[in-house]
Amino acid sequence: MANDGVRSVLTAMRVLERLTEPGLVGVSELARDLGLPKSSVQRMLRTLQEGGWAAEVHGEVTRWTLTPKMFQLGQRHQAGNDLRTIALPVMEQLREETRETIHLATVKGDSVFVLETLDSPQAVRAHVSPGMSIPLLASAHGQALLSTRPEKEIQGVLLRGLTAYTPFTITDVDTLGSAIHQARVRGYAVNDQQWQEGVHGIAAPIVVAGVGVAGIGISTPIHRMSAELQDKFGGMLVKAAMAIAHRLGEDL
């Protein structure tokens, strides 16, 4: 049997579902449609209002409607799905050519959120899972995407502090700033065991309208990486990122 917390969540979902229907609705009508006490509906509407999901529309009778937040959430979800759908063929070709782990990621706060991964077919490979959260500054994706941002924003992120995750993590602000600048110049960033020992990462930003919306990357065991291969993979990633950006509407 559902406890009070679960019942509250279910009630909130029912109220939200009712608010998605056309037209404004009042508390009495909501209570009648949902078979709930007016006091419960009023309390739930106030909670949804505080969270930014519902808004009052004042008139002779106060009525309620959804805010744009629900629509924006749906748009973000759809955008993520569209990005994965568009990027997948490019990722598959990249995996076939490199035989390494390929991943698609975006920035979420101070982390990189992995949207999609295609595992290397080789027995010894780097493991990156969809849904994984990786520290922004210790990842190739994070550094690549930061390289598309204004210098003031980059400095603001760097000054929030650098954490060491391995003996190879860059913890000096100037050194990491230089690495991000280098990523901007060559079009891709490098993570040489900065987050996980034994793993080498390379990523290029997918740039649309001047902003890095996501990154495409390659992860390999460190023993398979060399300077020559890093340059080769970096160039392949830049081309892959441009191909995805073009499919998202960016002019080549």
C-alpha atoms as a PDB file:
ATOM      1  CA  MET A   1       0.000   0.000   0.000  1.00  0.00           C
ATOM      2  CA  ALA A   2       1.356   3.423  -0.972  1.00  0.00           C
ATOM      3  CA  ASN A   3       2.721   5.606   1.828  1.00  0.00           C
ATOM      4  CA  ASP A   4       1.956   9.323   2.172  1.00  0.00           C
ATOM      5  CA  GLY A   5       4.993  10.384   0.125  1.00  0.00           C
ATOM      6  CA  VAL A   6       4.109   8.103  -2.782  1.00  0.00           C
ATOM      7  CA  ARG A   7       0.472   9.203  -2.673  1.00  0.00           C
ATOM      8  CA  SER A   8       1.560  12.846  -2.833  1.00  0.00           C
ATOM      9  CA  VAL A   9       3.701  12.160  -5.911  1.00  0.00           C
ATOM     10  CA  LEU A  10       0.863  10.296  -7.622  1.00  0.00           C
ATOM     11  CA  THR A  11      -1.535  13.133  -6.818  1.00  0.00           C
ATOM     12  CA  ALA A  12       0.891  15.679  -8.252  1.00  0.00           C
ATOM     13  CA  MET A  13       1.164  13.633 -11.451  1.00  0.00           C
ATOM     14  CA  ARG A  14      -2.641  13.457 -11.758  1.00  0.00           C
ATOM     15  CA  VAL A  15      -2.919  17.228 -11.294  1.00  0.00           C
ATOM     16  CA  LEU A  16      -0.204  17.823 -13.921  1.00  0.00           C
ATOM     17  CA  GLU A  17      -1.938  15.482 -16.363  1.00  0.00           C
ATOM     18  CA  ARG A  18      -5.223  17.339 -15.883  1.00  0.00           C
ATOM     19  CA  LEU A  19      -3.513  20.702 -16.421  1.00  0.00           C
ATOM     20  CA  THR A  20      -2.196  19.523 -19.808  1.00  0.00           C
ATOM     21  CA  GLU A  21      -5.771  19.462 -21.139  1.00  0.00           C
ATOM     22  CA  PRO A  22      -6.946  22.527 -23.148  1.00  0.00           C
ATOM     23  CA  GLY A  23      -8.239  25.532 -21.223  1.00  0.00           C
ATOM     24  CA  LEU A  24      -7.762  26.923 -17.750  1.00  0.00           C
ATOM     25  CA  VAL A  25      -9.144  25.055 -14.774  1.00  0.00           C
ATOM     26  CA  GLY A  26     -10.187  26.071 -11.272  1.00  0.00           C
ATOM     27  CA  VAL A  27      -9.651  24.312  -7.959  1.00  0.00           C
ATOM     28  CA  SER A  28     -13.283  23.149  -7.676  1.00  0.00           C
ATOM     29  CA  GLU A  29     -13.246  21.667 -11.169  1.00  0.00           C
ATOM     30  CA  LEU A  30      -9.910  19.949 -10.537  1.00  0.00           C
ATOM     31  CA  ALA A  31     -11.151  18.521  -7.257  1.00  0.00           C
ATOM     32  CA  ARG A  32     -14.316  17.223  -8.918  1.00  0.00           C
ATOM     33  CA  ASP A  33     -12.499  15.706 -11.910  1.00  0.00           C
ATOM     34  CA  LEU A  34      -9.890  13.984  -9.736  1.00  0.00           C
ATOM     35  CA  GLY A  35     -12.212  13.003  -6.897  1.00  0.00           C
ATOM     36  CA  LEU A  36     -10.083  14.778  -4.317  1.00  0.00           C
ATOM     37  CA  PRO A  37     -10.801  17.266  -1.508  1.00  0.00           C
ATOM     38  CA  LYS A  38     -10.427  20.895  -2.585  1.00  0.00           C
ATOM     39  CA  SER A  39      -7.952  21.468   0.237  1.00  0.00           C
ATOM     40  CA  SER A  40      -5.688  18.695  -1.107  1.00  0.00           C
ATOM     41  CA  VAL A  41      -5.851  20.041  -4.650  1.00  0.00           C
ATOM     42  CA  GLN A  42      -5.145  23.597  -3.465  1.00  0.00           C
ATOM     43  CA  ARG A  43      -2.149  22.410  -1.462  1.00  0.00           C
ATOM     44  CA  MET A  44      -0.799  20.439  -4.426  1.00  0.00           C
ATOM     45  CA  LEU A  45      -1.215  23.387  -6.798  1.00  0.00           C
ATOM     46  CA  ARG A  46       0.740  25.615  -4.410  1.00  0.00           C
ATOM     47  CA  THR A  47       3.525  23.033  -4.302  1.00  0.00           C
ATOM     48  CA  LEU A  48       3.609  22.817  -8.106  1.00  0.00           C
ATOM     49  CA  GLN A  49       3.623  26.609  -8.282  1.00  0.00           C
ATOM     50  CA  GLU A  50       6.604  26.764  -5.934  1.00  0.00           C
ATOM     51  CA  GLY A  51       8.433  24.291  -8.164  1.00  0.00           C
ATOM     52  CA  GLY A  52       7.692  26.371 -11.249  1.00  0.00           C
ATOM     53  CA  TRP A  53       5.315  23.845 -12.870  1.00  0.00           C
ATOM     54  CA  ALA A  54       1.934  25.561 -12.391  1.00  0.00           C
ATOM     55  CA  ALA A  55       0.783  29.186 -12.451  1.00  0.00           C
ATOM     56  CA  GLU A  56      -2.283  31.099 -11.327  1.00  0.00           C
ATOM     57  CA  VAL A  57      -4.329  33.091 -13.820  1.00  0.00           C
ATOM     58  CA  HIS A  58      -6.294  35.737 -11.933  1.00  0.00           C
ATOM     59  CA  GLY A  59      -9.780  36.869 -12.941  1.00  0.00           C
ATOM     60  CA  GLU A  60     -13.249  36.747 -11.441  1.00  0.00           C
ATOM     61  CA  VAL A  61     -12.327  33.200 -10.501  1.00  0.00           C
ATOM     62  CA  THR A  62      -8.709  32.121 -10.050  1.00  0.00           C
ATOM     63  CA  ARG A  63      -7.769  29.377 -12.492  1.00  0.00           C
ATOM     64  CA  TRP A  64      -4.620  27.386 -13.084  1.00  0.00           C
ATOM     65  CA  THR A  65      -2.443  26.408 -16.021  1.00  0.00           C
ATOM     66  CA  LEU A  66       0.915  24.814 -16.708  1.00  0.00           C
ATOM     67  CA  THR A  67       4.017  26.968 -17.050  1.00  0.00           C
ATOM     68  CA  PRO A  68       6.358  26.540 -20.067  1.00  0.00           C
ATOM     69  CA  LYS A  69       8.599  24.370 -17.865  1.00  0.00           C
ATOM     70  CA  MET A  70       6.812  21.148 -18.869  1.00  0.00           C
ATOM     71  CA  PHE A  71       7.162  22.014 -22.548  1.00  0.00           C
ATOM     72  CA  GLN A  72      10.835  22.914 -22.106  1.00  0.00           C
ATOM     73  CA  LEU A  73      11.497  19.606 -20.365  1.00  0.00           C
ATOM     74  CA  GLY A  74       9.897  17.739 -23.237  1.00  0.00           C
ATOM     75  CA  GLN A  75      11.909  19.729 -25.749  1.00  0.00           C
ATOM     76  CA  ARG A  76      15.160  18.948 -23.935  1.00  0.00           C
ATOM     77  CA  HIS A  77      14.301  15.258 -23.835  1.00  0.00           C
ATOM     78  CA  GLN A  78      13.452  15.271 -27.535  1.00  0.00           C
ATOM     79  CA  ALA A  79      16.621  17.171 -28.359  1.00  0.00           C
ATOM     80  CA  GLY A  80      18.705  14.542 -26.551  1.00  0.00           C
ATOM     81  CA  ASN A  81      16.948  11.764 -28.445  1.00  0.00           C
ATOM     82  CA  ASP A  82      17.409  13.588 -31.771  1.00  0.00           C
ATOM     83  CA  LEU A  83      21.100  14.102 -31.052  1.00  0.00           C
ATOM     84  CA  ARG A  84      21.594  10.403 -30.302  1.00  0.00           C
ATOM     85  CA  THR A  85      19.686   9.403 -33.428  1.00  0.00           C
ATOM     86  CA  ILE A  86      21.689  11.761 -35.621  1.00  0.00           C
ATOM     87  CA  ALA A  87      25.060  10.892 -34.057  1.00  0.00           C
ATOM     88  CA  LEU A  88      24.691   7.102 -34.009  1.00  0.00           C
ATOM     89  CA  PRO A  89      25.595   6.378 -37.668  1.00  0.00           C
ATOM     90  CA  VAL A  90      28.679   8.595 -37.356  1.00  0.00           C
ATOM     91  CA  MET A  91      29.638   6.856 -34.112  1.00  0.00           C
ATOM     92  CA  GLU A  92      29.221   3.421 -35.681  1.00  0.00           C
ATOM     93  CA  GLN A  93      31.490   4.341 -38.585  1.00  0.00           C
ATOM     94  CA  LEU A  94      34.062   5.737 -36.160  1.00  0.00           C
ATOM     95  CA  ARG A  95      34.037   2.539 -34.097  1.00  0.00           C
ATOM     96  CA  GLU A  96      34.467   0.448 -37.243  1.00  0.00           C
ATOM     97  CA  GLU A  97      37.468   2.527 -38.313  1.00  0.00           C
ATOM     98  CA  THR A  98      39.163   2.763 -34.904  1.00  0.00           C
ATOM     99  CA  ARG A  99      37.963  -0.438 -33.152  1.00  0.00           C
ATOM    100  CA  GLU A 100      37.874   1.595 -29.931  1.00  0.00           C
ATOM    101  CA  THR A 101      35.104   2.718 -27.557  1.00  0.00           C
ATOM    102  CA  ILE A 102      33.124   5.682 -28.922  1.00  0.00           C
ATOM    103  CA  HIS A 103      30.921   7.915 -26.784  1.00  0.00           C
ATOM    104  CA  LEU A 104      28.617  10.917 -27.033  1.00  0.00           C
ATOM    105  CA  ALA A 105      28.326  13.277 -24.063  1.00  0.00           C
ATOM    106  CA  THR A 106      27.098  16.674 -22.955  1.00  0.00           C
ATOM    107  CA  VAL A 107      27.743  19.030 -20.045  1.00  0.00           C
ATOM    108  CA  LYS A 108      25.455  18.833 -17.033  1.00  0.00           C
ATOM    109  CA  GLY A 109      26.503  21.236 -14.267  1.00  0.00           C
ATOM    110  CA  ASP A 110      30.085  20.523 -13.270  1.00  0.00           C
ATOM    111  CA  SER A 111      29.996  17.082 -14.878  1.00  0.00           C
ATOM    112  CA  VAL A 112      29.927  15.457 -18.274  1.00  0.00           C
ATOM    113  CA  PHE A 113      26.873  13.250 -18.820  1.00  0.00           C
ATOM    114  CA  VAL A 114      27.321  10.314 -21.208  1.00  0.00           C
ATOM    115  CA  LEU A 115      24.391  10.081 -23.641  1.00  0.00           C
ATOM    116  CA  GLU A 116      25.464   7.092 -25.731  1.00  0.00           C
ATOM    117  CA  THR A 117      28.321   4.588 -25.942  1.00  0.00           C
ATOM    118  CA  LEU A 118      29.475   2.061 -28.528  1.00  0.00           C
ATOM    119  CA  ASP A 119      31.899  -0.432 -26.973  1.00  0.00           C
ATOM    120  CA  SER A 120      35.135  -1.447 -28.623  1.00  0.00           C
ATOM    121  CA  PRO A 121      34.987  -4.963 -30.121  1.00  0.00           C
ATOM    122  CA  GLN A 122      38.397  -5.710 -28.611  1.00  0.00           C
ATOM    123  CA  ALA A 123      38.736  -7.889 -25.507  1.00  0.00           C
ATOM    124  CA  VAL A 124      40.715  -5.247 -23.620  1.00  0.00           C
ATOM    125  CA  ARG A 125      38.852  -1.953 -23.898  1.00  0.00           C
ATOM    126  CA  ALA A 126      37.923   1.223 -22.067  1.00  0.00           C
ATOM    127  CA  HIS A 127      34.536   1.048 -20.362  1.00  0.00           C
ATOM    128  CA  VAL A 128      32.209   4.042 -20.583  1.00  0.00           C
ATOM    129  CA  SER A 129      28.514   3.538 -19.815  1.00  0.00           C
ATOM    130  CA  PRO A 130      25.478   5.591 -20.910  1.00  0.00           C
ATOM    131  CA  GLY A 131      24.249   7.642 -17.975  1.00  0.00           C
ATOM    132  CA  MET A 132      27.737   7.855 -16.481  1.00  0.00           C
ATOM    133  CA  SER A 133      28.699  11.177 -14.928  1.00  0.00           C
ATOM    134  CA  ILE A 134      32.343  12.256 -15.305  1.00  0.00           C
ATOM    135  CA  PRO A 135      34.043  15.285 -13.681  1.00  0.00           C
ATOM    136  CA  LEU A 136      34.001  18.160 -16.165  1.00  0.00           C
ATOM    137  CA  LEU A 137      37.599  19.318 -15.840  1.00  0.00           C
ATOM    138  CA  ALA A 138      39.106  15.822 -15.704  1.00  0.00           C
ATOM    139  CA  SER A 139      37.521  14.682 -18.974  1.00  0.00           C
ATOM    140  CA  ALA A 140      38.358  15.222 -22.625  1.00  0.00           C
ATOM    141  CA  HIS A 141      34.694  15.967 -23.308  1.00  0.00           C
ATOM    142  CA  GLY A 142      34.605  18.650 -20.629  1.00  0.00           C
ATOM    143  CA  GLN A 143      37.762  20.344 -21.826  1.00  0.00           C
ATOM    144  CA  ALA A 144      36.649  20.137 -25.461  1.00  0.00           C
ATOM    145  CA  LEU A 145      33.274  21.709 -24.726  1.00  0.00           C
ATOM    146  CA  LEU A 146      34.782  24.388 -22.493  1.00  0.00           C
ATOM    147  CA  SER A 147      37.092  25.329 -25.361  1.00  0.00           C
ATOM    148  CA  THR A 148      34.022  26.650 -27.231  1.00  0.00           C
ATOM    149  CA  ARG A 149      33.014  28.945 -24.363  1.00  0.00           C
ATOM    150  CA  PRO A 150      34.103  32.556 -23.728  1.00  0.00           C
ATOM    151  CA  GLU A 151      37.379  32.989 -21.841  1.00  0.00           C
ATOM    152  CA  LYS A 152      35.621  34.623 -18.883  1.00  0.00           C
ATOM    153  CA  GLU A 153      33.386  31.578 -18.445  1.00  0.00           C
ATOM    154  CA  ILE A 154      36.353  29.203 -18.667  1.00  0.00           C
ATOM    155  CA  GLN A 155      38.229  31.121 -15.974  1.00  0.00           C
ATOM    156  CA  GLY A 156      35.159  31.092 -13.756  1.00  0.00           C
ATOM    157  CA  VAL A 157      34.955  27.299 -13.988  1.00  0.00           C
ATOM    158  CA  LEU A 158      38.680  26.852 -13.364  1.00  0.00           C
ATOM    159  CA  LEU A 159      38.627  29.082 -10.292  1.00  0.00           C
ATOM    160  CA  ARG A 160      35.960  26.925  -8.639  1.00  0.00           C
ATOM    161  CA  GLY A 161      38.785  24.517  -7.858  1.00  0.00           C
ATOM    162  CA  LEU A 162      40.519  21.481  -9.350  1.00  0.00           C
ATOM    163  CA  THR A 163      40.264  18.012  -7.809  1.00  0.00           C
ATOM    164  CA  ALA A 164      42.851  15.256  -8.257  1.00  0.00           C
ATOM    165  CA  TYR A 165      41.307  11.913  -9.282  1.00  0.00           C
ATOM    166  CA  THR A 166      44.555  10.191 -10.311  1.00  0.00           C
ATOM    167  CA  PRO A 167      48.266  11.069 -10.081  1.00  0.00           C
ATOM    168  CA  PHE A 168      47.874  12.376 -13.658  1.00  0.00           C
ATOM    169  CA  THR A 169      45.001  14.812 -13.061  1.00  0.00           C
ATOM    170  CA  ILE A 170      45.906  18.403 -13.937  1.00  0.00           C
ATOM    171  CA  THR A 171      45.427  20.452 -10.770  1.00  0.00           C
ATOM    172  CA  ASP A 172      47.202  23.645 -11.819  1.00  0.00           C
ATOM    173  CA  VAL A 173      44.828  26.319 -13.157  1.00  0.00           C
ATOM    174  CA  ASP A 174      47.311  27.750 -15.674  1.00  0.00           C
ATOM    175  CA  THR A 175      48.253  24.311 -17.022  1.00  0.00           C
ATOM    176  CA  LEU A 176      44.636  23.278 -17.482  1.00  0.00           C
ATOM    177  CA  GLY A 177      43.819  26.655 -19.010  1.00  0.00           C
ATOM    178  CA  SER A 178      46.590  26.066 -21.542  1.00  0.00           C
ATOM    179  CA  ALA A 179      45.242  22.584 -22.305  1.00  0.00           C
ATOM    180  CA  ILE A 180      41.775  24.035 -22.994  1.00  0.00           C
ATOM    181  CA  HIS A 181      43.313  26.725 -25.216  1.00  0.00           C
ATOM    182  CA  GLN A 182      45.227  24.026 -27.113  1.00  0.00           C
ATOM    183  CA  ALA A 183      41.965  22.095 -27.561  1.00  0.00           C
ATOM    184  CA  ARG A 184      40.430  25.226 -29.087  1.00  0.00           C
ATOM    185  CA  VAL A 185      43.333  25.560 -31.547  1.00  0.00           C
ATOM    186  CA  ARG A 186      43.504  21.947 -32.742  1.00  0.00           C
ATOM    187  CA  GLY A 187      39.791  21.145 -32.443  1.00  0.00           C
ATOM    188  CA  TYR A 188      39.970  18.333 -29.888  1.00  0.00           C
ATOM    189  CA  ALA A 189      40.954  17.780 -26.256  1.00  0.00           C
ATOM    190  CA  VAL A 190      43.018  15.020 -24.661  1.00  0.00           C
ATOM    191  CA  ASN A 191      42.568  13.261 -21.337  1.00  0.00           C
ATOM    192  CA  ASP A 192      45.739  11.337 -20.507  1.00  0.00           C
ATOM    193  CA  GLN A 193      44.634   9.286 -17.456  1.00  0.00           C
ATOM    194  CA  GLN A 194      43.283  12.391 -15.730  1.00  0.00           C
ATOM    195  CA  TRP A 195      40.103  10.680 -14.557  1.00  0.00           C
ATOM    196  CA  GLN A 196      40.951   6.966 -14.643  1.00  0.00           C
ATOM    197  CA  GLU A 197      44.417   5.466 -14.602  1.00  0.00           C
ATOM    198  CA  GLY A 198      45.142   3.357 -17.650  1.00  0.00           C
ATOM    199  CA  VAL A 199      42.573   5.123 -19.853  1.00  0.00           C
ATOM    200  CA  HIS A 200      43.332   7.672 -22.575  1.00  0.00           C
ATOM    201  CA  GLY A 201      40.495   9.849 -23.899  1.00  0.00           C
ATOM    202  CA  ILE A 202      40.139  12.206 -26.847  1.00  0.00           C
ATOM    203  CA  ALA A 203      37.037  14.297 -27.620  1.00  0.00           C
ATOM    204  CA  ALA A 204      35.921  16.937 -30.096  1.00  0.00           C
ATOM    205  CA  PRO A 205      33.077  19.414 -29.574  1.00  0.00           C
ATOM    206  CA  ILE A 206      29.978  19.309 -31.764  1.00  0.00           C
ATOM    207  CA  VAL A 207      29.569  23.028 -32.437  1.00  0.00           C
ATOM    208  CA  VAL A 208      26.250  24.523 -33.513  1.00  0.00           C
ATOM    209  CA  ALA A 209      25.860  28.310 -33.840  1.00  0.00           C
ATOM    210  CA  GLY A 210      29.233  28.810 -32.149  1.00  0.00           C
ATOM    211  CA  VAL A 211      28.407  26.725 -29.068  1.00  0.00           C
ATOM    212  CA  GLY A 212      29.540  23.207 -28.191  1.00  0.00           C
ATOM    213  CA  VAL A 213      26.239  21.370 -27.683  1.00  0.00           C
ATOM    214  CA  ALA A 214      27.841  17.969 -27.090  1.00  0.00           C
ATOM    215  CA  GLY A 215      31.066  16.087 -27.614  1.00  0.00           C
ATOM    216  CA  ILE A 216      32.072  12.929 -29.453  1.00  0.00           C
ATOM    217  CA  GLY A 217      34.991  10.996 -28.035  1.00  0.00           C
ATOM    218  CA  ILE A 218      37.212   7.924 -28.168  1.00  0.00           C
ATOM    219  CA  SER A 219      38.520   6.067 -25.119  1.00  0.00           C
ATOM    220  CA  THR A 220      41.362   3.569 -25.323  1.00  0.00           C
ATOM    221  CA  PRO A 221      43.561   1.607 -22.918  1.00  0.00           C
ATOM    222  CA  ILE A 222      46.712   3.640 -22.444  1.00  0.00           C
ATOM    223  CA  HIS A 223      48.968   0.867 -23.812  1.00  0.00           C
ATOM    224  CA  ARG A 224      47.353   1.170 -27.270  1.00  0.00           C
ATOM    225  CA  MET A 225      47.819   4.934 -27.533  1.00  0.00           C
ATOM    226  CA  SER A 226      50.734   6.787 -29.133  1.00  0.00           C
ATOM    227  CA  ALA A 227      51.355  10.381 -30.183  1.00  0.00           C
ATOM    228  CA  GLU A 228      50.788   9.456 -33.829  1.00  0.00           C
ATOM    229  CA  LEU A 229      47.538   7.633 -33.076  1.00  0.00           C
ATOM    230  CA  GLN A 230      46.349  10.501 -30.876  1.00  0.00           C
ATOM    231  CA  ASP A 231      46.770  12.926 -33.777  1.00  0.00           C
ATOM    232  CA  LYS A 232      45.042  10.517 -36.157  1.00  0.00           C
ATOM    233  CA  PHE A 233      42.084   9.898 -33.829  1.00  0.00           C
ATOM    234  CA  GLY A 234      41.845  13.608 -33.045  1.00  0.00           C
ATOM    235  CA  GLY A 235      41.509  14.455 -36.735  1.00  0.00           C
ATOM    236  CA  MET A 236      38.881  11.741 -37.184  1.00  0.00           C
ATOM    237  CA  LEU A 237      36.890  13.113 -34.249  1.00  0.00           C
ATOM    238  CA  VAL A 238      36.980  16.660 -35.610  1.00  0.00           C
ATOM    239  CA  LYS A 239      35.527  15.409 -38.905  1.00  0.00           C
ATOM    240  CA  ALA A 240      32.930  13.290 -37.071  1.00  0.00           C
ATOM    241  CA  ALA A 241      31.879  16.250 -34.911  1.00  0.00           C
ATOM    242  CA  MET A 242      31.498  18.437 -38.002  1.00  0.00           C
ATOM    243  CA  ALA A 243      29.401  15.764 -39.725  1.00  0.00           C
ATOM    244  CA  ILE A 244      27.032  15.561 -36.734  1.00  0.00           C
ATOM    245  CA  ALA A 245      26.837  19.361 -36.490  1.00  0.00           C
ATOM    246  CA  HIS A 246      25.949  19.527 -40.190  1.00  0.00           C
ATOM    247  CA  ARG A 247      23.133  17.025 -39.643  1.00  0.00           C
ATOM    248  CA  LEU A 248      21.914  19.273 -36.813  1.00  0.00           C
ATOM    249  CA  GLY A 249      21.692  22.176 -39.250  1.00  0.00           C
ATOM    250  CA  GLU A 250      25.134  23.758 -39.021  1.00  0.00           C
ATOM    251  CA  ASP A 251      26.637  24.971 -42.309  1.00  0.00           C
ATOM    252  CA  LEU A 252      29.923  23.369 -43.242  1.00  0.00           C
END
